[in-house]
Amino acid sequence: MDETIIQPAVHSAVGGIALLVALVTTVLTWLGARRGTFGKAQAAALITLQVVLMLQAAVGIKLLDQGMGVIQKYVHYLGGLGSVGLLMLFYWLPKRSEADTANKAAWLTTASLLFVVMTFFIGQMYVKGQLSG
């Protein structure tokens, strides 16, 4: 694994996928909240988003191991932990009713999306700065 070199473009691509999956998940959870239901589509979207965020974190950790992006690591740590932490919080909160579960999913995925957006665009600014400077 140490001999494998990952290009920063891979991290940007997975970040774009994470951003897209977070947006789709947020839309699906809000549609469920409007109906007052938390169904299989919302559950699958939440799981997919968590897996994509873990993949993004793994690629980011490999880049840090290669010595890339050290300057902005704290922003990425906070953004990554925030987005995953909010999704984990959903599973820890008590489930009072299906409508309550749907509302919690919608609000927590929205907050997670904000962390994903923040981290993605800060990362993109860093990459552009590295390429032009």
Protein backbone atom coordinates (compact mmCIF):
# COMPACT_ATOMS: atom_id res chain seq x y z
CA MET A 1 0.00 0.00 0.00
CA ASP A 2 2.90 2.36 0.72
CA GLU A 3 4.16 2.00 -2.86
CA THR A 4 0.78 2.96 -4.30
CA ILE A 5 0.62 6.61 -5.28
CA ILE A 6 -2.76 8.30 -5.51
CA GLN A 7 -3.11 11.49 -7.50
CA PRO A 8 -4.96 14.44 -5.92
CA ALA A 9 -7.39 14.31 -8.85
CA VAL A 10 -8.75 11.04 -7.43
CA HIS A 11 -9.54 12.81 -4.16
CA SER A 12 -11.27 15.62 -6.06
CA ALA A 13 -13.28 13.11 -8.11
CA VAL A 14 -14.40 11.14 -5.06
CA GLY A 15 -15.19 14.48 -3.38
CA GLY A 16 -17.44 15.37 -6.31
CA ILE A 17 -19.16 12.01 -6.02
CA ALA A 18 -19.57 12.57 -2.25
CA LEU A 19 -21.09 15.97 -2.95
CA LEU A 20 -23.53 14.49 -5.46
CA VAL A 21 -24.49 11.59 -3.18
CA ALA A 22 -24.98 14.01 -0.26
CA LEU A 23 -27.27 16.16 -2.39
CA VAL A 24 -29.31 13.15 -3.58
CA THR A 25 -29.54 11.82 -0.03
CA THR A 26 -30.74 15.19 1.25
CA VAL A 27 -33.42 15.39 -1.45
CA LEU A 28 -34.58 11.84 -0.73
CA THR A 29 -34.77 12.42 3.03
CA TRP A 30 -36.73 15.64 2.56
CA LEU A 31 -39.16 13.86 0.23
CA GLY A 32 -39.61 11.24 2.95
CA ALA A 33 -40.08 13.93 5.60
CA ARG A 34 -42.78 15.60 3.52
CA ARG A 35 -44.62 12.27 3.35
CA GLY A 36 -43.86 11.51 6.97
CA THR A 37 -42.10 8.27 6.10
CA PHE A 38 -38.59 6.91 6.32
CA GLY A 39 -38.36 4.11 3.79
CA LYS A 40 -35.85 1.86 2.10
CA ALA A 41 -34.76 4.54 -0.37
CA GLN A 42 -33.82 6.94 2.42
CA ALA A 43 -32.05 4.22 4.41
CA ALA A 44 -30.10 3.06 1.34
CA ALA A 45 -29.14 6.64 0.51
CA LEU A 46 -27.85 7.24 4.05
CA ILE A 47 -25.78 4.06 3.92
CA THR A 48 -24.40 4.93 0.48
CA LEU A 49 -23.46 8.42 1.65
CA GLN A 50 -21.62 7.05 4.67
CA VAL A 51 -19.70 4.56 2.52
CA VAL A 52 -18.73 7.28 0.02
CA LEU A 53 -17.59 9.57 2.84
CA MET A 54 -15.47 6.75 4.28
CA LEU A 55 -13.94 6.15 0.85
CA GLN A 56 -13.22 9.87 0.56
CA ALA A 57 -11.57 9.81 3.99
CA ALA A 58 -9.44 6.81 3.04
CA VAL A 59 -8.20 8.53 -0.13
CA GLY A 60 -7.52 11.71 1.87
CA ILE A 61 -5.56 9.82 4.50
CA LYS A 62 -3.46 8.23 1.76
CA LEU A 63 -2.74 11.68 0.29
CA LEU A 64 -1.71 12.96 3.72
CA ASP A 65 0.56 9.92 4.03
CA GLN A 66 2.14 11.00 0.73
CA GLY A 67 2.76 14.47 2.19
CA MET A 68 0.03 16.27 0.22
CA GLY A 69 -2.50 18.67 1.68
CA VAL A 70 -0.92 18.93 5.11
CA ILE A 71 -1.71 22.66 5.33
CA GLN A 72 -5.46 22.15 5.14
CA LYS A 73 -5.73 18.89 7.08
CA TYR A 74 -7.61 20.39 10.02
CA VAL A 75 -10.33 21.81 7.79
CA HIS A 76 -10.69 18.40 6.19
CA TYR A 77 -10.70 16.61 9.53
CA LEU A 78 -13.43 18.88 10.86
CA GLY A 79 -15.44 18.75 7.65
CA GLY A 80 -15.15 14.98 7.33
CA LEU A 81 -15.84 14.27 10.98
CA GLY A 82 -18.73 16.73 10.99
CA SER A 83 -20.45 15.21 7.97
CA VAL A 84 -20.03 11.60 9.14
CA GLY A 85 -20.78 12.49 12.78
CA LEU A 86 -24.11 14.05 11.88
CA LEU A 87 -25.08 10.94 9.95
CA MET A 88 -24.08 8.75 12.88
CA LEU A 89 -26.11 10.94 15.21
CA PHE A 90 -29.22 9.98 13.27
CA TYR A 91 -28.83 6.37 14.42
CA TRP A 92 -28.25 7.35 18.05
CA LEU A 93 -31.34 9.53 18.45
CA PRO A 94 -34.51 7.91 19.78
CA LYS A 95 -37.13 6.94 17.21
CA ARG A 96 -40.51 8.18 18.44
CA SER A 97 -42.45 7.72 15.21
CA GLU A 98 -41.82 7.24 11.53
CA ALA A 99 -42.54 10.92 10.85
CA ASP A 100 -40.11 11.93 13.61
CA THR A 101 -37.46 9.63 12.13
CA ALA A 102 -38.02 11.10 8.66
CA ASN A 103 -37.69 14.66 9.99
CA LYS A 104 -34.49 13.84 11.88
CA ALA A 105 -33.05 12.21 8.77
CA ALA A 106 -33.89 15.27 6.66
CA TRP A 107 -32.39 17.81 9.07
CA LEU A 108 -29.27 15.79 9.81
CA THR A 109 -28.56 15.04 6.15
CA THR A 110 -29.00 18.74 5.38
CA ALA A 111 -26.47 19.63 8.06
CA SER A 112 -24.14 16.90 6.78
CA LEU A 113 -24.52 18.26 3.24
CA LEU A 114 -23.39 21.68 4.48
CA PHE A 115 -20.22 20.13 5.91
CA VAL A 116 -19.62 18.24 2.64
CA VAL A 117 -20.11 21.42 0.59
CA MET A 118 -17.80 23.43 2.85
CA THR A 119 -15.07 20.80 2.78
CA PHE A 120 -15.35 20.23 -0.97
CA PHE A 121 -15.08 23.89 -1.93
CA ILE A 122 -12.29 24.65 0.55
CA GLY A 123 -10.43 21.67 -0.88
CA GLN A 124 -11.00 22.88 -4.44
CA MET A 125 -9.66 26.34 -3.55
CA TYR A 126 -6.57 24.68 -2.08
CA VAL A 127 -6.02 22.58 -5.23
CA LYS A 128 -6.42 25.63 -7.50
CA GLY A 129 -3.94 27.53 -5.30
CA GLN A 130 -1.45 24.67 -5.58
CA LEU A 131 -1.79 24.53 -9.36
CA SER A 132 -1.44 28.29 -9.90
CA GLY A 133 1.21 28.89 -7.23
